[in-house]
Amino acid sequence: MIRHLFVLITAFLVALPFLWMAFAAFIPQEIVYSGELLSRFGFTLANFQVLAKEGFWGRMGFSLAVSSLVTFLQLFTAFLAAYAIKEGLKVLPFFLLLLAVPAELLLVPLYGLLKSLHLLDTVWALILPFAASPFIVFLLYGAMRSIPEELLEAARLDGAGHRILLSRILFPLLRPTMVAAGVLAFAAHWNLVLYPRIVAGEEWKTVQTWLTDLQRKYPADWGILSAAALAATLPLVLIYLVYERRVIESVEEGLKG
């Protein structure tokens, strides 16, 4: 009984900031500052109308498109890389080393590389450096190792080549893991703030960098800021709620592998 009560209290405390954000997004600004949230409760969509005027939904659509494309590229490259490692390519230590390197350390050399390739302030600066992910490779490799080798050997004896093994055997078996990996890849790219601000221009501003600009423009308007944060968080929350079990199971299997 005490254990369940502790879990409920902890879950409530963790969810409390999100609940307050969702509550403040739909109430007028004067009620937020009055301190009389219950006695003067009101419901309004004015905060979201301000976001529309500021161009939030365009930034949201752009971020969804870019993060979705990056997710597809990471799954595609990781699927092929994991298969190559499983088939004997000796590059697994290289991927493990990349996992240990903080992403912030790569920002300066990556900036110089993008500048030399004339990719700064373009949409490709947000896509190409993230076309492959060591973490997603390691996750798919761990799941691929759990597939019985006898199944692949039987397919090879029947004349199956690499294309058949990848498309008709490994891909269907790894589909749940790839869905979970896609959720993690999407969330990681969606939440980038520092990198897009440095390499992408005003035209290619993502929703997260747009939020930081909005915070400077409306530093004390908690209704507008809460509405923006709620709308920017909602895609991740919905995706994670749909695929929560697959994400947890796939990460645990990948770490065990």
C-alpha atoms as a PDB file:
ATOM      1  CA  MET A   1       0.000   0.000   0.000  1.00  0.00           C
ATOM      2  CA  ILE A   2       2.750   2.442   0.922  1.00  0.00           C
ATOM      3  CA  ARG A   3       4.663   1.543  -2.223  1.00  0.00           C
ATOM      4  CA  HIS A   4       1.657   2.295  -4.456  1.00  0.00           C
ATOM      5  CA  LEU A   5       1.035   5.550  -2.626  1.00  0.00           C
ATOM      6  CA  PHE A   6       4.647   6.566  -3.116  1.00  0.00           C
ATOM      7  CA  VAL A   7       4.434   5.786  -6.839  1.00  0.00           C
ATOM      8  CA  LEU A   8       1.242   7.837  -7.197  1.00  0.00           C
ATOM      9  CA  ILE A   9       2.717  10.817  -5.363  1.00  0.00           C
ATOM     10  CA  THR A  10       5.902  10.651  -7.437  1.00  0.00           C
ATOM     11  CA  ALA A  11       3.934  10.398 -10.683  1.00  0.00           C
ATOM     12  CA  PHE A  12       1.800  13.374  -9.674  1.00  0.00           C
ATOM     13  CA  LEU A  13       4.826  15.513  -8.839  1.00  0.00           C
ATOM     14  CA  VAL A  14       6.459  14.609 -12.149  1.00  0.00           C
ATOM     15  CA  ALA A  15       3.273  15.405 -14.102  1.00  0.00           C
ATOM     16  CA  LEU A  16       2.463  18.589 -12.159  1.00  0.00           C
ATOM     17  CA  PRO A  17       4.508  21.000 -14.354  1.00  0.00           C
ATOM     18  CA  PHE A  18       2.920  19.564 -17.499  1.00  0.00           C
ATOM     19  CA  LEU A  19      -0.565  19.803 -15.951  1.00  0.00           C
ATOM     20  CA  TRP A  20       0.038  23.427 -14.998  1.00  0.00           C
ATOM     21  CA  MET A  21       1.323  24.176 -18.496  1.00  0.00           C
ATOM     22  CA  ALA A  22      -1.803  22.632 -20.045  1.00  0.00           C
ATOM     23  CA  PHE A  23      -4.016  24.560 -17.612  1.00  0.00           C
ATOM     24  CA  ALA A  24      -2.329  27.935 -18.156  1.00  0.00           C
ATOM     25  CA  ALA A  25      -2.471  27.563 -21.946  1.00  0.00           C
ATOM     26  CA  PHE A  26      -6.285  27.895 -21.934  1.00  0.00           C
ATOM     27  CA  ILE A  27      -6.891  30.644 -19.365  1.00  0.00           C
ATOM     28  CA  PRO A  28      -6.731  34.422 -19.885  1.00  0.00           C
ATOM     29  CA  GLN A  29      -3.585  36.247 -18.876  1.00  0.00           C
ATOM     30  CA  GLU A  30      -5.318  38.415 -16.271  1.00  0.00           C
ATOM     31  CA  ILE A  31      -6.453  35.329 -14.377  1.00  0.00           C
ATOM     32  CA  VAL A  32      -2.904  33.937 -14.317  1.00  0.00           C
ATOM     33  CA  TYR A  33      -1.609  37.110 -12.656  1.00  0.00           C
ATOM     34  CA  SER A  34      -4.587  37.576 -10.326  1.00  0.00           C
ATOM     35  CA  GLY A  35      -3.798  34.455  -8.319  1.00  0.00           C
ATOM     36  CA  GLU A  36      -7.497  33.562  -8.292  1.00  0.00           C
ATOM     37  CA  LEU A  37      -7.298  30.616 -10.625  1.00  0.00           C
ATOM     38  CA  LEU A  38     -10.227  28.720  -9.173  1.00  0.00           C
ATOM     39  CA  SER A  39     -12.631  31.523  -8.280  1.00  0.00           C
ATOM     40  CA  ARG A  40     -12.175  33.371 -11.604  1.00  0.00           C
ATOM     41  CA  PHE A  41     -11.631  30.412 -13.894  1.00  0.00           C
ATOM     42  CA  GLY A  42     -12.092  31.148 -17.578  1.00  0.00           C
ATOM     43  CA  PHE A  43     -11.446  29.296 -20.838  1.00  0.00           C
ATOM     44  CA  THR A  44      -9.979  30.929 -23.945  1.00  0.00           C
ATOM     45  CA  LEU A  45      -8.145  30.098 -27.154  1.00  0.00           C
ATOM     46  CA  ALA A  46      -6.664  33.595 -27.391  1.00  0.00           C
ATOM     47  CA  ASN A  47      -3.185  32.315 -26.540  1.00  0.00           C
ATOM     48  CA  PHE A  48      -3.208  29.948 -29.516  1.00  0.00           C
ATOM     49  CA  GLN A  49      -4.511  32.730 -31.758  1.00  0.00           C
ATOM     50  CA  VAL A  50      -1.448  34.782 -30.798  1.00  0.00           C
ATOM     51  CA  LEU A  51       0.749  31.836 -31.735  1.00  0.00           C
ATOM     52  CA  ALA A  52      -0.906  31.670 -35.156  1.00  0.00           C
ATOM     53  CA  LYS A  53      -0.186  35.361 -35.742  1.00  0.00           C
ATOM     54  CA  GLU A  54       3.446  34.845 -34.731  1.00  0.00           C
ATOM     55  CA  GLY A  55       3.871  32.050 -37.287  1.00  0.00           C
ATOM     56  CA  PHE A  56       4.089  29.164 -34.824  1.00  0.00           C
ATOM     57  CA  TRP A  57       2.176  26.631 -36.901  1.00  0.00           C
ATOM     58  CA  GLY A  58       4.460  27.135 -39.881  1.00  0.00           C
ATOM     59  CA  ARG A  59       7.470  26.432 -37.675  1.00  0.00           C
ATOM     60  CA  MET A  60       5.676  23.396 -36.269  1.00  0.00           C
ATOM     61  CA  GLY A  61       5.025  21.976 -39.731  1.00  0.00           C
ATOM     62  CA  PHE A  62       8.601  22.633 -40.810  1.00  0.00           C
ATOM     63  CA  SER A  63       9.996  20.881 -37.716  1.00  0.00           C
ATOM     64  CA  LEU A  64       7.699  17.911 -38.219  1.00  0.00           C
ATOM     65  CA  ALA A  65       8.871  17.533 -41.820  1.00  0.00           C
ATOM     66  CA  VAL A  66      12.581  17.866 -41.029  1.00  0.00           C
ATOM     67  CA  SER A  67      12.504  15.573 -37.972  1.00  0.00           C
ATOM     68  CA  SER A  68      10.492  12.965 -39.886  1.00  0.00           C
ATOM     69  CA  LEU A  69      12.998  12.985 -42.751  1.00  0.00           C
ATOM     70  CA  VAL A  70      15.920  12.689 -40.325  1.00  0.00           C
ATOM     71  CA  THR A  71      14.171   9.794 -38.585  1.00  0.00           C
ATOM     72  CA  PHE A  72      13.722   7.957 -41.890  1.00  0.00           C
ATOM     73  CA  LEU A  73      17.370   8.491 -42.837  1.00  0.00           C
ATOM     74  CA  GLN A  74      18.621   7.298 -39.456  1.00  0.00           C
ATOM     75  CA  LEU A  75      16.518   4.142 -39.599  1.00  0.00           C
ATOM     76  CA  PHE A  76      17.615   3.412 -43.164  1.00  0.00           C
ATOM     77  CA  THR A  77      21.336   3.886 -42.512  1.00  0.00           C
ATOM     78  CA  ALA A  78      21.216   2.158 -39.126  1.00  0.00           C
ATOM     79  CA  PHE A  79      19.417  -0.867 -40.585  1.00  0.00           C
ATOM     80  CA  LEU A  80      22.109  -1.333 -43.218  1.00  0.00           C
ATOM     81  CA  ALA A  81      24.972  -0.597 -40.804  1.00  0.00           C
ATOM     82  CA  ALA A  82      23.647  -3.039 -38.199  1.00  0.00           C
ATOM     83  CA  TYR A  83      23.396  -5.749 -40.850  1.00  0.00           C
ATOM     84  CA  ALA A  84      26.954  -5.051 -42.044  1.00  0.00           C
ATOM     85  CA  ILE A  85      28.267  -5.294 -38.477  1.00  0.00           C
ATOM     86  CA  LYS A  86      26.364  -8.525 -37.911  1.00  0.00           C
ATOM     87  CA  GLU A  87      27.865  -9.929 -41.103  1.00  0.00           C
ATOM     88  CA  GLY A  88      31.378  -9.287 -39.818  1.00  0.00           C
ATOM     89  CA  LEU A  89      32.296  -5.674 -40.554  1.00  0.00           C
ATOM     90  CA  LYS A  90      34.662  -4.667 -37.720  1.00  0.00           C
ATOM     91  CA  VAL A  91      33.323  -1.174 -36.988  1.00  0.00           C
ATOM     92  CA  LEU A  92      31.316  -1.769 -33.814  1.00  0.00           C
ATOM     93  CA  PRO A  93      34.050  -0.268 -31.544  1.00  0.00           C
ATOM     94  CA  PHE A  94      33.930   2.863 -33.699  1.00  0.00           C
ATOM     95  CA  PHE A  95      30.197   3.270 -33.060  1.00  0.00           C
ATOM     96  CA  LEU A  96      30.664   2.634 -29.341  1.00  0.00           C
ATOM     97  CA  LEU A  97      33.358   5.313 -29.276  1.00  0.00           C
ATOM     98  CA  LEU A  98      31.005   7.778 -30.963  1.00  0.00           C
ATOM     99  CA  LEU A  99      28.393   7.070 -28.302  1.00  0.00           C
ATOM    100  CA  ALA A 100      30.862   8.207 -25.655  1.00  0.00           C
ATOM    101  CA  VAL A 101      31.645  11.523 -27.373  1.00  0.00           C
ATOM    102  CA  PRO A 102      29.459  14.458 -26.197  1.00  0.00           C
ATOM    103  CA  ALA A 103      27.630  16.005 -29.117  1.00  0.00           C
ATOM    104  CA  GLU A 104      28.688  19.502 -27.999  1.00  0.00           C
ATOM    105  CA  LEU A 105      32.330  18.661 -28.767  1.00  0.00           C
ATOM    106  CA  LEU A 106      31.438  18.078 -32.420  1.00  0.00           C
ATOM    107  CA  LEU A 107      29.674  21.401 -32.865  1.00  0.00           C
ATOM    108  CA  VAL A 108      32.739  23.497 -33.759  1.00  0.00           C
ATOM    109  CA  PRO A 109      34.312  21.063 -36.295  1.00  0.00           C
ATOM    110  CA  LEU A 110      30.865  20.382 -37.752  1.00  0.00           C
ATOM    111  CA  TYR A 111      30.298  24.112 -38.186  1.00  0.00           C
ATOM    112  CA  GLY A 112      33.592  24.403 -40.073  1.00  0.00           C
ATOM    113  CA  LEU A 113      32.710  21.439 -42.278  1.00  0.00           C
ATOM    114  CA  LEU A 114      29.290  22.819 -43.138  1.00  0.00           C
ATOM    115  CA  LYS A 115      30.829  26.193 -43.926  1.00  0.00           C
ATOM    116  CA  SER A 116      33.396  24.648 -46.273  1.00  0.00           C
ATOM    117  CA  LEU A 117      30.595  22.763 -48.047  1.00  0.00           C
ATOM    118  CA  HIS A 118      28.453  25.939 -48.283  1.00  0.00           C
ATOM    119  CA  LEU A 119      25.648  24.301 -46.316  1.00  0.00           C
ATOM    120  CA  LEU A 120      25.332  26.848 -43.521  1.00  0.00           C
ATOM    121  CA  ASP A 121      21.960  28.590 -43.306  1.00  0.00           C
ATOM    122  CA  THR A 122      20.351  25.888 -45.423  1.00  0.00           C
ATOM    123  CA  VAL A 123      17.870  23.183 -44.584  1.00  0.00           C
ATOM    124  CA  TRP A 124      20.544  20.555 -45.339  1.00  0.00           C
ATOM    125  CA  ALA A 125      22.500  21.709 -42.290  1.00  0.00           C
ATOM    126  CA  LEU A 126      19.607  20.381 -40.204  1.00  0.00           C
ATOM    127  CA  ILE A 127      19.384  17.066 -42.051  1.00  0.00           C
ATOM    128  CA  LEU A 128      22.671  15.713 -43.393  1.00  0.00           C
ATOM    129  CA  PRO A 129      24.696  15.678 -40.120  1.00  0.00           C
ATOM    130  CA  PHE A 130      21.930  13.562 -38.565  1.00  0.00           C
ATOM    131  CA  ALA A 131      21.494  11.088 -41.408  1.00  0.00           C
ATOM    132  CA  ALA A 132      23.140   8.403 -39.245  1.00  0.00           C
ATOM    133  CA  SER A 133      23.016   7.813 -35.499  1.00  0.00           C
ATOM    134  CA  PRO A 134      25.433   5.560 -33.549  1.00  0.00           C
ATOM    135  CA  PHE A 135      22.785   4.958 -30.906  1.00  0.00           C
ATOM    136  CA  ILE A 136      20.179   3.782 -33.424  1.00  0.00           C
ATOM    137  CA  VAL A 137      22.806   1.551 -35.074  1.00  0.00           C
ATOM    138  CA  PHE A 138      23.664  -0.013 -31.724  1.00  0.00           C
ATOM    139  CA  LEU A 139      19.969  -0.462 -30.884  1.00  0.00           C
ATOM    140  CA  LEU A 140      19.164  -2.236 -34.163  1.00  0.00           C
ATOM    141  CA  TYR A 141      22.338  -4.296 -33.968  1.00  0.00           C
ATOM    142  CA  GLY A 142      21.330  -5.584 -30.539  1.00  0.00           C
ATOM    143  CA  ALA A 143      17.897  -6.541 -31.849  1.00  0.00           C
ATOM    144  CA  MET A 144      19.401  -8.149 -34.955  1.00  0.00           C
ATOM    145  CA  ARG A 145      21.671 -10.331 -32.836  1.00  0.00           C
ATOM    146  CA  SER A 146      18.621 -11.813 -31.118  1.00  0.00           C
ATOM    147  CA  ILE A 147      17.365 -13.275 -34.421  1.00  0.00           C
ATOM    148  CA  PRO A 148      18.349 -16.957 -34.691  1.00  0.00           C
ATOM    149  CA  GLU A 149      21.232 -17.438 -37.082  1.00  0.00           C
ATOM    150  CA  GLU A 150      19.671 -20.719 -38.224  1.00  0.00           C
ATOM    151  CA  LEU A 151      16.813 -18.757 -39.811  1.00  0.00           C
ATOM    152  CA  LEU A 152      19.222 -16.707 -41.905  1.00  0.00           C
ATOM    153  CA  GLU A 153      21.286 -19.746 -42.825  1.00  0.00           C
ATOM    154  CA  ALA A 154      18.173 -21.568 -44.032  1.00  0.00           C
ATOM    155  CA  ALA A 155      17.303 -18.580 -46.218  1.00  0.00           C
ATOM    156  CA  ARG A 156      20.833 -18.512 -47.643  1.00  0.00           C
ATOM    157  CA  LEU A 157      20.609 -22.208 -48.492  1.00  0.00           C
ATOM    158  CA  ASP A 158      17.430 -21.433 -50.426  1.00  0.00           C
ATOM    159  CA  GLY A 159      19.369 -18.928 -52.496  1.00  0.00           C
ATOM    160  CA  ALA A 160      18.454 -15.726 -50.663  1.00  0.00           C
ATOM    161  CA  GLY A 161      20.922 -12.888 -51.087  1.00  0.00           C
ATOM    162  CA  HIS A 162      21.467  -9.794 -48.975  1.00  0.00           C
ATOM    163  CA  ARG A 163      18.500  -7.982 -50.505  1.00  0.00           C
ATOM    164  CA  ILE A 164      16.106 -10.815 -49.699  1.00  0.00           C
ATOM    165  CA  LEU A 165      17.504 -11.233 -46.194  1.00  0.00           C
ATOM    166  CA  LEU A 166      17.103  -7.541 -45.479  1.00  0.00           C
ATOM    167  CA  SER A 167      13.696  -6.927 -47.037  1.00  0.00           C
ATOM    168  CA  ARG A 168      11.804 -10.180 -46.427  1.00  0.00           C
ATOM    169  CA  ILE A 169      13.304 -11.584 -43.230  1.00  0.00           C
ATOM    170  CA  LEU A 170      15.111  -9.022 -41.107  1.00  0.00           C
ATOM    171  CA  PHE A 171      12.894  -6.019 -41.777  1.00  0.00           C
ATOM    172  CA  PRO A 172       9.599  -7.719 -40.748  1.00  0.00           C
ATOM    173  CA  LEU A 173      11.239  -9.180 -37.640  1.00  0.00           C
ATOM    174  CA  LEU A 174      12.842  -5.865 -36.661  1.00  0.00           C
ATOM    175  CA  ARG A 175       9.805  -3.711 -37.391  1.00  0.00           C
ATOM    176  CA  PRO A 176       8.799  -3.265 -33.703  1.00  0.00           C
ATOM    177  CA  THR A 177      12.350  -2.288 -32.782  1.00  0.00           C
ATOM    178  CA  MET A 178      12.563   0.098 -35.723  1.00  0.00           C
ATOM    179  CA  VAL A 179       9.334   1.773 -34.644  1.00  0.00           C
ATOM    180  CA  ALA A 180      10.747   2.295 -31.160  1.00  0.00           C
ATOM    181  CA  ALA A 181      14.049   3.503 -32.567  1.00  0.00           C
ATOM    182  CA  GLY A 182      12.164   5.909 -34.814  1.00  0.00           C
ATOM    183  CA  VAL A 183      10.391   7.410 -31.807  1.00  0.00           C
ATOM    184  CA  LEU A 184      13.714   7.991 -30.047  1.00  0.00           C
ATOM    185  CA  ALA A 185      15.341   9.416 -33.179  1.00  0.00           C
ATOM    186  CA  PHE A 186      12.425  11.776 -33.784  1.00  0.00           C
ATOM    187  CA  ALA A 187      12.435  13.003 -30.189  1.00  0.00           C
ATOM    188  CA  ALA A 188      16.193  13.593 -30.188  1.00  0.00           C
ATOM    189  CA  HIS A 189      16.093  15.726 -33.332  1.00  0.00           C
ATOM    190  CA  TRP A 190      12.874  17.498 -32.364  1.00  0.00           C
ATOM    191  CA  ASN A 191      14.382  18.743 -29.083  1.00  0.00           C
ATOM    192  CA  LEU A 192      17.527  20.280 -30.596  1.00  0.00           C
ATOM    193  CA  VAL A 193      17.934  23.939 -29.646  1.00  0.00           C
ATOM    194  CA  LEU A 194      21.586  25.043 -29.714  1.00  0.00           C
ATOM    195  CA  TYR A 195      22.569  23.352 -32.976  1.00  0.00           C
ATOM    196  CA  PRO A 196      19.750  24.739 -35.195  1.00  0.00           C
ATOM    197  CA  ARG A 197      20.314  28.236 -33.838  1.00  0.00           C
ATOM    198  CA  ILE A 198      23.978  28.146 -34.856  1.00  0.00           C
ATOM    199  CA  VAL A 199      23.843  26.513 -38.291  1.00  0.00           C
ATOM    200  CA  ALA A 200      20.391  27.437 -39.636  1.00  0.00           C
ATOM    201  CA  GLY A 201      19.244  30.893 -40.648  1.00  0.00           C
ATOM    202  CA  GLU A 202      16.008  32.712 -39.890  1.00  0.00           C
ATOM    203  CA  GLU A 203      14.230  31.009 -42.775  1.00  0.00           C
ATOM    204  CA  TRP A 204      14.960  27.530 -41.418  1.00  0.00           C
ATOM    205  CA  LYS A 205      14.128  28.166 -37.772  1.00  0.00           C
ATOM    206  CA  THR A 206      12.790  25.073 -35.968  1.00  0.00           C
ATOM    207  CA  VAL A 207      10.005  25.146 -33.430  1.00  0.00           C
ATOM    208  CA  GLN A 208      12.413  24.832 -30.488  1.00  0.00           C
ATOM    209  CA  THR A 209      14.536  27.808 -31.533  1.00  0.00           C
ATOM    210  CA  TRP A 210      11.317  29.682 -32.283  1.00  0.00           C
ATOM    211  CA  LEU A 211      10.219  29.039 -28.685  1.00  0.00           C
ATOM    212  CA  THR A 212      13.368  30.641 -27.297  1.00  0.00           C
ATOM    213  CA  ASP A 213      12.702  33.735 -29.430  1.00  0.00           C
ATOM    214  CA  LEU A 214       9.089  33.786 -28.242  1.00  0.00           C
ATOM    215  CA  GLN A 215      10.273  33.661 -24.630  1.00  0.00           C
ATOM    216  CA  ARG A 216      12.400  36.765 -25.194  1.00  0.00           C
ATOM    217  CA  LYS A 217       9.498  38.546 -26.904  1.00  0.00           C
ATOM    218  CA  TYR A 218       6.926  37.630 -24.221  1.00  0.00           C
ATOM    219  CA  PRO A 219       9.093  37.068 -21.121  1.00  0.00           C
ATOM    220  CA  ALA A 220       6.204  37.229 -18.642  1.00  0.00           C
ATOM    221  CA  ASP A 221       3.169  36.167 -20.660  1.00  0.00           C
ATOM    222  CA  TRP A 222       2.736  32.701 -19.201  1.00  0.00           C
ATOM    223  CA  GLY A 223      -0.449  32.009 -21.114  1.00  0.00           C
ATOM    224  CA  ILE A 224       1.207  32.391 -24.530  1.00  0.00           C
ATOM    225  CA  LEU A 225       4.382  30.622 -23.411  1.00  0.00           C
ATOM    226  CA  SER A 226       2.386  27.737 -21.934  1.00  0.00           C
ATOM    227  CA  ALA A 227       0.313  27.408 -25.096  1.00  0.00           C
ATOM    228  CA  ALA A 228       3.469  27.314 -27.229  1.00  0.00           C
ATOM    229  CA  ALA A 229       5.181  24.792 -24.962  1.00  0.00           C
ATOM    230  CA  LEU A 230       2.065  22.614 -24.878  1.00  0.00           C
ATOM    231  CA  ALA A 231       1.701  22.623 -28.672  1.00  0.00           C
ATOM    232  CA  ALA A 232       5.421  21.903 -29.174  1.00  0.00           C
ATOM    233  CA  THR A 233       5.366  19.046 -26.655  1.00  0.00           C
ATOM    234  CA  LEU A 234       2.144  17.431 -27.807  1.00  0.00           C
ATOM    235  CA  PRO A 235       3.579  15.557 -30.845  1.00  0.00           C
ATOM    236  CA  LEU A 236       6.201  13.851 -28.674  1.00  0.00           C
ATOM    237  CA  VAL A 237       3.665  13.001 -25.978  1.00  0.00           C
ATOM    238  CA  LEU A 238       1.244  11.459 -28.474  1.00  0.00           C
ATOM    239  CA  ILE A 239       3.948   9.460 -30.241  1.00  0.00           C
ATOM    240  CA  TYR A 240       5.375   8.165 -26.972  1.00  0.00           C
ATOM    241  CA  LEU A 241       1.969   7.214 -25.564  1.00  0.00           C
ATOM    242  CA  VAL A 242       1.203   5.189 -28.683  1.00  0.00           C
ATOM    243  CA  TYR A 243       4.545   3.370 -28.752  1.00  0.00           C
ATOM    244  CA  GLU A 244       5.527   3.440 -25.061  1.00  0.00           C
ATOM    245  CA  ARG A 245       5.765  -0.329 -24.605  1.00  0.00           C
ATOM    246  CA  ARG A 246       7.791  -0.862 -27.783  1.00  0.00           C
ATOM    247  CA  VAL A 247      10.241   1.884 -26.818  1.00  0.00           C
ATOM    248  CA  ILE A 248      10.910   0.443 -23.369  1.00  0.00           C
ATOM    249  CA  GLU A 249      11.176  -3.144 -24.587  1.00  0.00           C
ATOM    250  CA  SER A 250      13.452  -2.253 -27.497  1.00  0.00           C
ATOM    251  CA  VAL A 251      15.841  -0.210 -25.363  1.00  0.00           C
ATOM    252  CA  GLU A 252      16.075  -2.999 -22.800  1.00  0.00           C
ATOM    253  CA  GLU A 253      16.754  -5.603 -25.504  1.00  0.00           C
ATOM    254  CA  GLY A 254      19.326  -3.366 -27.155  1.00  0.00           C
ATOM    255  CA  LEU A 255      21.198  -2.799 -23.923  1.00  0.00           C
ATOM    256  CA  LYS A 256      21.150  -6.516 -23.125  1.00  0.00           C
ATOM    257  CA  GLY A 257      22.395  -7.316 -26.629  1.00  0.00           C
END
